[in-house]
Amino acid sequence: MMPVECDVRLFDELDRLLDGPDRLVPQAVADELARLSEGNGKEATAASVGYDLATDRCEIRATEATYADDAVLELAGEAATHVVTNDQPLADRALRAGVSVISLRGKNKLGITQS
């Protein structure tokens, strides 16, 4: 949802920060974005764009966890990768679990916080 909510060119920023094309999204996150996109307003628009980007430019992966935040952490741990989020509670959980976090830095740039 970052591209709409924060005016971030998400994939350009990820390419700037990271080596490799792997972009993984848990199925639970894709499902939540699809559900949120059914509503009205800015959040629904952001969720719709997020869902389209996730399904077009990322690999959707099943996880044991069905709650989106838990699924993100499960997948990040399995893939030994970063978590991309502006959600502070999720970022805090990721850092405590030893997972680096990519989040908004400044107006529309991303940065990495190491675990």
C-alpha atoms as a PDB file:
ATOM      1  CA  MET A   1       0.000   0.000   0.000  1.00  0.00           C
ATOM      2  CA  MET A   2       3.101   2.216   0.306  1.00  0.00           C
ATOM      3  CA  PRO A   3       3.069   3.390  -3.335  1.00  0.00           C
ATOM      4  CA  VAL A   4      -0.296   5.123  -2.815  1.00  0.00           C
ATOM      5  CA  GLU A   5      -0.088   6.078   0.848  1.00  0.00           C
ATOM      6  CA  CYS A   6       3.512   7.369   0.791  1.00  0.00           C
ATOM      7  CA  ASP A   7       4.148   8.146  -2.895  1.00  0.00           C
ATOM      8  CA  VAL A   8       7.008   5.640  -2.980  1.00  0.00           C
ATOM      9  CA  ARG A   9       8.287   3.963  -6.143  1.00  0.00           C
ATOM     10  CA  LEU A  10       8.501   0.748  -4.172  1.00  0.00           C
ATOM     11  CA  PHE A  11      10.211  -1.562  -6.630  1.00  0.00           C
ATOM     12  CA  ASP A  12      12.700   1.093  -7.760  1.00  0.00           C
ATOM     13  CA  GLU A  13      13.606   1.649  -4.120  1.00  0.00           C
ATOM     14  CA  LEU A  14      13.898  -2.086  -3.429  1.00  0.00           C
ATOM     15  CA  ASP A  15      16.166  -2.447  -6.469  1.00  0.00           C
ATOM     16  CA  ARG A  16      18.304   0.406  -5.134  1.00  0.00           C
ATOM     17  CA  LEU A  17      18.667  -1.233  -1.712  1.00  0.00           C
ATOM     18  CA  LEU A  18      18.873  -4.936  -2.500  1.00  0.00           C
ATOM     19  CA  ASP A  19      20.606  -7.380  -4.786  1.00  0.00           C
ATOM     20  CA  GLY A  20      18.424  -9.987  -6.404  1.00  0.00           C
ATOM     21  CA  PRO A  21      14.925 -10.020  -7.799  1.00  0.00           C
ATOM     22  CA  ASP A  22      13.225 -12.143  -5.117  1.00  0.00           C
ATOM     23  CA  ARG A  23      10.019 -10.468  -4.034  1.00  0.00           C
ATOM     24  CA  LEU A  24       7.941 -12.717  -1.781  1.00  0.00           C
ATOM     25  CA  VAL A  25       4.478 -11.990  -0.414  1.00  0.00           C
ATOM     26  CA  PRO A  26       2.656 -14.335   1.964  1.00  0.00           C
ATOM     27  CA  GLN A  27      -0.728 -15.566   0.754  1.00  0.00           C
ATOM     28  CA  ALA A  28      -2.267 -14.141   3.939  1.00  0.00           C
ATOM     29  CA  VAL A  29      -1.083 -10.647   2.948  1.00  0.00           C
ATOM     30  CA  ALA A  30      -2.442 -11.008  -0.594  1.00  0.00           C
ATOM     31  CA  ASP A  31      -5.765 -12.167   0.882  1.00  0.00           C
ATOM     32  CA  GLU A  32      -5.881  -9.186   3.271  1.00  0.00           C
ATOM     33  CA  LEU A  33      -5.120  -6.750   0.439  1.00  0.00           C
ATOM     34  CA  ALA A  34      -7.891  -8.301  -1.674  1.00  0.00           C
ATOM     35  CA  ARG A  35     -10.340  -7.977   1.219  1.00  0.00           C
ATOM     36  CA  LEU A  36      -9.372  -4.354   1.936  1.00  0.00           C
ATOM     37  CA  SER A  37      -9.614  -3.426  -1.740  1.00  0.00           C
ATOM     38  CA  GLU A  38     -13.319  -4.265  -1.749  1.00  0.00           C
ATOM     39  CA  GLY A  39     -14.118  -1.184   0.331  1.00  0.00           C
ATOM     40  CA  ASN A  40     -14.240   2.495  -0.566  1.00  0.00           C
ATOM     41  CA  GLY A  41     -11.872   5.366  -0.018  1.00  0.00           C
ATOM     42  CA  LYS A  42      -8.141   5.866   0.019  1.00  0.00           C
ATOM     43  CA  GLU A  43      -7.351   2.697   1.990  1.00  0.00           C
ATOM     44  CA  ALA A  44      -9.280   0.569  -0.511  1.00  0.00           C
ATOM     45  CA  THR A  45      -7.473   2.243  -3.411  1.00  0.00           C
ATOM     46  CA  ALA A  46      -4.102   1.691  -1.744  1.00  0.00           C
ATOM     47  CA  ALA A  47      -4.982  -1.941  -1.046  1.00  0.00           C
ATOM     48  CA  SER A  48      -6.094  -2.457  -4.644  1.00  0.00           C
ATOM     49  CA  VAL A  49      -2.804  -1.081  -5.974  1.00  0.00           C
ATOM     50  CA  GLY A  50      -0.911  -3.161  -3.407  1.00  0.00           C
ATOM     51  CA  TYR A  51      -2.756  -6.301  -4.440  1.00  0.00           C
ATOM     52  CA  ASP A  52      -2.116  -5.673  -8.136  1.00  0.00           C
ATOM     53  CA  LEU A  53       1.595  -5.056  -7.530  1.00  0.00           C
ATOM     54  CA  ALA A  54       1.902  -8.081  -5.263  1.00  0.00           C
ATOM     55  CA  THR A  55       0.261 -10.458  -7.697  1.00  0.00           C
ATOM     56  CA  ASP A  56       1.955  -9.007 -10.799  1.00  0.00           C
ATOM     57  CA  ARG A  57       5.500  -8.441  -9.529  1.00  0.00           C
ATOM     58  CA  CYS A  58       5.972 -10.794  -6.591  1.00  0.00           C
ATOM     59  CA  GLU A  59       5.808 -14.478  -5.845  1.00  0.00           C
ATOM     60  CA  ILE A  60       2.871 -15.317  -3.587  1.00  0.00           C
ATOM     61  CA  ARG A  61       3.785 -18.022  -1.073  1.00  0.00           C
ATOM     62  CA  ALA A  62       1.657 -20.064   1.288  1.00  0.00           C
ATOM     63  CA  THR A  63       2.545 -20.056   4.991  1.00  0.00           C
ATOM     64  CA  GLU A  64       1.274 -21.938   8.004  1.00  0.00           C
ATOM     65  CA  ALA A  65       0.258 -18.632   9.615  1.00  0.00           C
ATOM     66  CA  THR A  66      -3.036 -17.135   8.502  1.00  0.00           C
ATOM     67  CA  TYR A  67      -2.689 -13.750  10.263  1.00  0.00           C
ATOM     68  CA  ALA A  68      -0.841 -11.431   7.864  1.00  0.00           C
ATOM     69  CA  ASP A  69       1.816 -10.159  10.315  1.00  0.00           C
ATOM     70  CA  ASP A  70       2.596 -13.681  11.507  1.00  0.00           C
ATOM     71  CA  ALA A  71       2.810 -14.864   7.898  1.00  0.00           C
ATOM     72  CA  VAL A  72       5.240 -12.063   7.027  1.00  0.00           C
ATOM     73  CA  LEU A  73       7.551 -13.053   9.875  1.00  0.00           C
ATOM     74  CA  GLU A  74       7.258 -16.755   9.076  1.00  0.00           C
ATOM     75  CA  LEU A  75       8.159 -16.199   5.440  1.00  0.00           C
ATOM     76  CA  ALA A  76      10.982 -13.773   6.254  1.00  0.00           C
ATOM     77  CA  GLY A  77      12.492 -16.294   8.630  1.00  0.00           C
ATOM     78  CA  GLU A  78      12.259 -19.138   6.121  1.00  0.00           C
ATOM     79  CA  ALA A  79      13.672 -17.091   3.250  1.00  0.00           C
ATOM     80  CA  ALA A  80      16.283 -15.260   5.380  1.00  0.00           C
ATOM     81  CA  THR A  81      15.141 -11.978   3.889  1.00  0.00           C
ATOM     82  CA  HIS A  82      14.003  -8.491   4.880  1.00  0.00           C
ATOM     83  CA  VAL A  83      10.527  -7.358   5.871  1.00  0.00           C
ATOM     84  CA  VAL A  84       9.122  -4.309   4.057  1.00  0.00           C
ATOM     85  CA  THR A  85       6.710  -2.429   6.304  1.00  0.00           C
ATOM     86  CA  ASN A  86       5.811   0.937   7.767  1.00  0.00           C
ATOM     87  CA  ASP A  87       3.797  -0.766  10.511  1.00  0.00           C
ATOM     88  CA  GLN A  88       5.821  -0.105  13.674  1.00  0.00           C
ATOM     89  CA  PRO A  89       4.523  -3.051  15.727  1.00  0.00           C
ATOM     90  CA  LEU A  90       5.381  -5.437  12.864  1.00  0.00           C
ATOM     91  CA  ALA A  91       8.786  -3.778  12.419  1.00  0.00           C
ATOM     92  CA  ASP A  92       9.497  -4.155  16.130  1.00  0.00           C
ATOM     93  CA  ARG A  93       8.533  -7.840  16.043  1.00  0.00           C
ATOM     94  CA  ALA A  94      10.734  -8.414  13.000  1.00  0.00           C
ATOM     95  CA  LEU A  95      13.742  -6.740  14.585  1.00  0.00           C
ATOM     96  CA  ARG A  96      13.273  -8.749  17.804  1.00  0.00           C
ATOM     97  CA  ALA A  97      13.177 -11.906  15.640  1.00  0.00           C
ATOM     98  CA  GLY A  98      16.464 -10.975  13.974  1.00  0.00           C
ATOM     99  CA  VAL A  99      14.924  -9.854  10.674  1.00  0.00           C
ATOM    100  CA  SER A 100      16.009  -6.578   9.066  1.00  0.00           C
ATOM    101  CA  VAL A 101      13.282  -4.084   8.195  1.00  0.00           C
ATOM    102  CA  ILE A 102      12.917  -1.898   5.116  1.00  0.00           C
ATOM    103  CA  SER A 103      10.729   1.131   5.778  1.00  0.00           C
ATOM    104  CA  LEU A 104      10.139   4.715   4.765  1.00  0.00           C
ATOM    105  CA  ARG A 105      13.014   7.145   5.364  1.00  0.00           C
ATOM    106  CA  GLY A 106      12.339  10.771   4.556  1.00  0.00           C
ATOM    107  CA  LYS A 107       9.563  11.704   2.192  1.00  0.00           C
ATOM    108  CA  ASN A 108       9.626   8.881  -0.361  1.00  0.00           C
ATOM    109  CA  LYS A 109      12.824   6.876   0.077  1.00  0.00           C
ATOM    110  CA  LEU A 110      13.289   3.543   1.793  1.00  0.00           C
ATOM    111  CA  GLY A 111      16.040   2.521   4.191  1.00  0.00           C
ATOM    112  CA  ILE A 112      17.102  -0.643   5.985  1.00  0.00           C
ATOM    113  CA  THR A 113      17.163  -1.079   9.750  1.00  0.00           C
ATOM    114  CA  GLN A 114      19.403  -4.005  10.597  1.00  0.00           C
ATOM    115  CA  SER A 115      18.295  -6.515  13.168  1.00  0.00           C
END
